[in-house]
Amino acid sequence: MTAVRAEAVAGSPWTARQRLVLAVFQVLGVAGLIAGYLGTSGTLRLSRQVVWVNVAGAALLVSGAGVTVFLTAGRRAVGRRRLGLFGDVREGRGATVHPDPGPGTATDLVAATAMTKYHRGDCSFVDGKVVTAATAAEHEQGGRRPCGVCLPEGAS
């Protein structure tokens, strides 16, 4: 499978192979449950029913293992995307702030030119980006709103 094919489904953290593996595990699980049901139905001997109940239980374990593997792979992919977008937020690197040369006193509220929200200088959304500091009023005059994650001070 090529990298282009893996990226064909935008927005999904799973590759086509991982979805196929999940489908196989789920089909095996459903087949085991059906086999367990058919094996126990119409049987009066308890010893025979226990065997088929065990088959159905094993099928549930197989299905659950498939879901666990699938969700773990998705979690890892989301973590890799987060690291690609924001970097390692545990490093504590702040944003690179370039003071606004205009009049007025700039606070620690920052934003980049293309941003629609302004942030505190230590917000992970501006980590490593080239930003300009300004007051909350100046950011709001520029059409920006306060960040909902870092909740900058002075936000109206």
C-alpha atoms as a PDB file:
ATOM      1  CA  MET A   1       0.000   0.000   0.000  1.00  0.00           C
ATOM      2  CA  THR A   2       1.401   3.389  -0.924  1.00  0.00           C
ATOM      3  CA  ALA A   3       1.359   6.509   1.219  1.00  0.00           C
ATOM      4  CA  VAL A   4      -0.970   8.197  -1.270  1.00  0.00           C
ATOM      5  CA  ARG A   5      -3.527   5.430  -0.813  1.00  0.00           C
ATOM      6  CA  ALA A   6      -3.295   5.659   2.984  1.00  0.00           C
ATOM      7  CA  GLU A   7      -4.028   9.390   2.833  1.00  0.00           C
ATOM      8  CA  ALA A   8      -6.983   8.954   0.471  1.00  0.00           C
ATOM      9  CA  VAL A   9      -9.437   9.065   3.363  1.00  0.00           C
ATOM     10  CA  ALA A  10      -8.896  12.566   4.720  1.00  0.00           C
ATOM     11  CA  GLY A  11      -9.809  13.063   8.348  1.00  0.00           C
ATOM     12  CA  SER A  12      -9.620   9.374   9.267  1.00  0.00           C
ATOM     13  CA  PRO A  13      -6.814   8.247  11.569  1.00  0.00           C
ATOM     14  CA  TRP A  14      -7.073   4.668  10.258  1.00  0.00           C
ATOM     15  CA  THR A  15      -5.627   3.190   7.101  1.00  0.00           C
ATOM     16  CA  ALA A  16      -7.585   0.917   4.798  1.00  0.00           C
ATOM     17  CA  ARG A  17      -5.605  -2.079   6.104  1.00  0.00           C
ATOM     18  CA  GLN A  18      -6.540  -1.289   9.712  1.00  0.00           C
ATOM     19  CA  ARG A  19     -10.218  -1.012   8.773  1.00  0.00           C
ATOM     20  CA  LEU A  20      -9.979  -4.348   6.958  1.00  0.00           C
ATOM     21  CA  VAL A  21      -8.409  -6.012  10.025  1.00  0.00           C
ATOM     22  CA  LEU A  22     -11.238  -4.638  12.179  1.00  0.00           C
ATOM     23  CA  ALA A  23     -13.820  -5.976   9.730  1.00  0.00           C
ATOM     24  CA  VAL A  24     -12.203  -9.441   9.827  1.00  0.00           C
ATOM     25  CA  PHE A  25     -12.214  -9.480  13.636  1.00  0.00           C
ATOM     26  CA  GLN A  26     -15.843  -8.353  13.704  1.00  0.00           C
ATOM     27  CA  VAL A  27     -16.917 -10.983  11.145  1.00  0.00           C
ATOM     28  CA  LEU A  28     -15.156 -13.670  13.192  1.00  0.00           C
ATOM     29  CA  GLY A  29     -16.881 -12.410  16.324  1.00  0.00           C
ATOM     30  CA  VAL A  30     -20.335 -12.390  14.758  1.00  0.00           C
ATOM     31  CA  ALA A  31     -19.742 -15.823  13.182  1.00  0.00           C
ATOM     32  CA  GLY A  32     -18.728 -17.202  16.583  1.00  0.00           C
ATOM     33  CA  LEU A  33     -21.813 -15.726  18.236  1.00  0.00           C
ATOM     34  CA  ILE A  34     -24.069 -17.209  15.566  1.00  0.00           C
ATOM     35  CA  ALA A  35     -22.312 -20.572  15.903  1.00  0.00           C
ATOM     36  CA  GLY A  36     -22.749 -20.410  19.670  1.00  0.00           C
ATOM     37  CA  TYR A  37     -26.439 -19.609  19.318  1.00  0.00           C
ATOM     38  CA  LEU A  38     -27.070 -22.345  16.779  1.00  0.00           C
ATOM     39  CA  GLY A  39     -25.059 -24.848  18.840  1.00  0.00           C
ATOM     40  CA  THR A  40     -27.034 -24.187  22.023  1.00  0.00           C
ATOM     41  CA  SER A  41     -30.510 -23.841  20.529  1.00  0.00           C
ATOM     42  CA  GLY A  42     -32.485 -27.040  20.453  1.00  0.00           C
ATOM     43  CA  THR A  43     -29.998 -28.838  22.726  1.00  0.00           C
ATOM     44  CA  LEU A  44     -31.146 -30.133  26.082  1.00  0.00           C
ATOM     45  CA  ARG A  45     -27.792 -31.465  27.305  1.00  0.00           C
ATOM     46  CA  LEU A  46     -26.068 -28.934  29.496  1.00  0.00           C
ATOM     47  CA  SER A  47     -22.586 -30.236  28.699  1.00  0.00           C
ATOM     48  CA  ARG A  48     -23.181 -29.601  24.988  1.00  0.00           C
ATOM     49  CA  GLN A  49     -24.565 -26.108  25.654  1.00  0.00           C
ATOM     50  CA  VAL A  50     -21.543 -25.131  27.770  1.00  0.00           C
ATOM     51  CA  VAL A  51     -19.191 -25.875  24.866  1.00  0.00           C
ATOM     52  CA  TRP A  52     -21.140 -23.570  22.549  1.00  0.00           C
ATOM     53  CA  VAL A  53     -21.460 -20.855  25.170  1.00  0.00           C
ATOM     54  CA  ASN A  54     -17.657 -21.005  25.458  1.00  0.00           C
ATOM     55  CA  VAL A  55     -17.409 -20.629  21.672  1.00  0.00           C
ATOM     56  CA  ALA A  56     -19.625 -17.531  21.842  1.00  0.00           C
ATOM     57  CA  GLY A  57     -17.542 -16.127  24.719  1.00  0.00           C
ATOM     58  CA  ALA A  58     -14.330 -16.666  22.756  1.00  0.00           C
ATOM     59  CA  ALA A  59     -15.951 -14.915  19.792  1.00  0.00           C
ATOM     60  CA  LEU A  60     -16.714 -11.896  21.992  1.00  0.00           C
ATOM     61  CA  LEU A  61     -13.077 -11.842  23.130  1.00  0.00           C
ATOM     62  CA  VAL A  62     -11.871 -11.947  19.508  1.00  0.00           C
ATOM     63  CA  SER A  63     -14.223  -9.122  18.574  1.00  0.00           C
ATOM     64  CA  GLY A  64     -13.153  -7.059  21.587  1.00  0.00           C
ATOM     65  CA  ALA A  65      -9.483  -7.621  20.774  1.00  0.00           C
ATOM     66  CA  GLY A  66     -10.104  -6.350  17.252  1.00  0.00           C
ATOM     67  CA  VAL A  67     -11.791  -3.212  18.539  1.00  0.00           C
ATOM     68  CA  THR A  68      -8.979  -2.644  21.049  1.00  0.00           C
ATOM     69  CA  VAL A  69      -6.302  -2.934  18.360  1.00  0.00           C
ATOM     70  CA  PHE A  70      -8.316  -0.634  16.072  1.00  0.00           C
ATOM     71  CA  LEU A  71      -8.831   2.066  18.706  1.00  0.00           C
ATOM     72  CA  THR A  72      -5.205   1.886  19.841  1.00  0.00           C
ATOM     73  CA  ALA A  73      -4.013   2.392  16.261  1.00  0.00           C
ATOM     74  CA  GLY A  74      -6.351   5.375  15.917  1.00  0.00           C
ATOM     75  CA  ARG A  75      -5.126   6.875  19.174  1.00  0.00           C
ATOM     76  CA  ARG A  76      -1.528   6.564  18.025  1.00  0.00           C
ATOM     77  CA  ALA A  77      -2.347   8.197  14.683  1.00  0.00           C
ATOM     78  CA  VAL A  78      -4.123  11.083  16.420  1.00  0.00           C
ATOM     79  CA  GLY A  79      -1.132  11.514  18.736  1.00  0.00           C
ATOM     80  CA  ARG A  80       1.235  11.646  15.747  1.00  0.00           C
ATOM     81  CA  ARG A  81      -0.995  14.263  14.072  1.00  0.00           C
ATOM     82  CA  ARG A  82      -1.102  16.333  17.260  1.00  0.00           C
ATOM     83  CA  LEU A  83       2.675  16.242  17.520  1.00  0.00           C
ATOM     84  CA  GLY A  84       2.916  17.264  13.871  1.00  0.00           C
ATOM     85  CA  LEU A  85       0.580  20.213  14.379  1.00  0.00           C
ATOM     86  CA  PHE A  86       1.567  21.500  17.804  1.00  0.00           C
ATOM     87  CA  GLY A  87       4.915  19.898  18.546  1.00  0.00           C
ATOM     88  CA  ASP A  88       5.728  18.520  21.961  1.00  0.00           C
ATOM     89  CA  VAL A  89       3.621  20.728  24.244  1.00  0.00           C
ATOM     90  CA  ARG A  90       5.461  19.389  27.291  1.00  0.00           C
ATOM     91  CA  GLU A  91       8.622  21.219  26.261  1.00  0.00           C
ATOM     92  CA  GLY A  92       7.169  24.493  27.503  1.00  0.00           C
ATOM     93  CA  ARG A  93       8.478  26.528  24.598  1.00  0.00           C
ATOM     94  CA  GLY A  94       6.618  29.795  24.306  1.00  0.00           C
ATOM     95  CA  ALA A  95       5.668  31.599  21.142  1.00  0.00           C
ATOM     96  CA  THR A  96       8.116  33.862  19.360  1.00  0.00           C
ATOM     97  CA  VAL A  97       6.648  37.281  20.089  1.00  0.00           C
ATOM     98  CA  HIS A  98       7.397  40.300  17.938  1.00  0.00           C
ATOM     99  CA  PRO A  99       6.074  43.429  19.656  1.00  0.00           C
ATOM    100  CA  ASP A 100       3.650  45.498  17.651  1.00  0.00           C
ATOM    101  CA  PRO A 101       5.387  48.718  16.589  1.00  0.00           C
ATOM    102  CA  GLY A 102       2.112  50.680  16.772  1.00  0.00           C
ATOM    103  CA  PRO A 103       1.081  52.974  19.620  1.00  0.00           C
ATOM    104  CA  GLY A 104      -0.299  51.617  22.883  1.00  0.00           C
ATOM    105  CA  THR A 105       0.991  49.114  25.381  1.00  0.00           C
ATOM    106  CA  ALA A 106       0.993  45.530  24.191  1.00  0.00           C
ATOM    107  CA  THR A 107       0.168  42.798  26.674  1.00  0.00           C
ATOM    108  CA  ASP A 108       1.042  39.103  26.475  1.00  0.00           C
ATOM    109  CA  LEU A 109      -1.911  38.512  24.121  1.00  0.00           C
ATOM    110  CA  VAL A 110      -0.643  37.329  20.746  1.00  0.00           C
ATOM    111  CA  ALA A 111      -1.849  36.246  17.317  1.00  0.00           C
ATOM    112  CA  ALA A 112      -0.436  35.549  13.878  1.00  0.00           C
ATOM    113  CA  THR A 113      -1.690  37.338  10.796  1.00  0.00           C
ATOM    114  CA  ALA A 114      -3.891  34.484   9.566  1.00  0.00           C
ATOM    115  CA  MET A 115      -5.354  33.618  12.994  1.00  0.00           C
ATOM    116  CA  THR A 116      -8.988  34.325  13.823  1.00  0.00           C
ATOM    117  CA  LYS A 117      -8.403  34.115  17.593  1.00  0.00           C
ATOM    118  CA  TYR A 118      -5.872  35.674  19.939  1.00  0.00           C
ATOM    119  CA  HIS A 119      -4.036  33.733  22.613  1.00  0.00           C
ATOM    120  CA  ARG A 120      -1.800  33.982  25.640  1.00  0.00           C
ATOM    121  CA  GLY A 121       1.883  33.753  24.774  1.00  0.00           C
ATOM    122  CA  ASP A 122       2.173  30.314  26.407  1.00  0.00           C
ATOM    123  CA  CYS A 123      -0.841  28.789  24.581  1.00  0.00           C
ATOM    124  CA  SER A 124      -0.012  25.585  22.692  1.00  0.00           C
ATOM    125  CA  PHE A 125      -1.802  26.914  19.597  1.00  0.00           C
ATOM    126  CA  VAL A 126       0.868  29.591  19.081  1.00  0.00           C
ATOM    127  CA  ASP A 127       3.830  27.474  20.161  1.00  0.00           C
ATOM    128  CA  GLY A 128       6.653  27.921  17.677  1.00  0.00           C
ATOM    129  CA  LYS A 129       4.721  30.361  15.463  1.00  0.00           C
ATOM    130  CA  VAL A 130       5.737  33.906  14.661  1.00  0.00           C
ATOM    131  CA  VAL A 131       3.127  36.079  16.370  1.00  0.00           C
ATOM    132  CA  THR A 132       2.561  39.736  17.196  1.00  0.00           C
ATOM    133  CA  ALA A 133       1.592  40.995  20.646  1.00  0.00           C
ATOM    134  CA  ALA A 134      -1.272  43.456  21.103  1.00  0.00           C
ATOM    135  CA  THR A 135      -3.979  44.339  23.609  1.00  0.00           C
ATOM    136  CA  ALA A 136      -7.291  42.522  23.693  1.00  0.00           C
ATOM    137  CA  ALA A 137      -9.047  45.595  22.297  1.00  0.00           C
ATOM    138  CA  GLU A 138      -6.624  45.766  19.361  1.00  0.00           C
ATOM    139  CA  HIS A 139      -7.116  42.083  18.589  1.00  0.00           C
ATOM    140  CA  GLU A 140     -10.887  42.465  18.730  1.00  0.00           C
ATOM    141  CA  GLN A 141     -10.756  45.512  16.455  1.00  0.00           C
ATOM    142  CA  GLY A 142      -8.880  43.289  13.996  1.00  0.00           C
ATOM    143  CA  GLY A 143     -11.805  40.834  14.051  1.00  0.00           C
ATOM    144  CA  ARG A 144     -10.232  38.256  16.357  1.00  0.00           C
ATOM    145  CA  ARG A 145     -11.948  36.538  19.263  1.00  0.00           C
ATOM    146  CA  PRO A 146     -10.319  35.162  22.425  1.00  0.00           C
ATOM    147  CA  CYS A 147      -9.075  31.576  22.371  1.00  0.00           C
ATOM    148  CA  GLY A 148     -11.389  29.126  24.115  1.00  0.00           C
ATOM    149  CA  VAL A 149      -8.487  26.963  25.283  1.00  0.00           C
ATOM    150  CA  CYS A 150      -6.062  29.358  26.963  1.00  0.00           C
ATOM    151  CA  LEU A 151      -8.740  31.943  27.948  1.00  0.00           C
ATOM    152  CA  PRO A 152      -6.546  35.035  27.624  1.00  0.00           C
ATOM    153  CA  GLU A 153      -6.769  37.704  30.297  1.00  0.00           C
ATOM    154  CA  GLY A 154      -8.492  40.913  29.308  1.00  0.00           C
ATOM    155  CA  ALA A 155     -10.770  39.094  26.888  1.00  0.00           C
ATOM    156  CA  SER A 156     -14.158  40.722  26.718  1.00  0.00           C
END
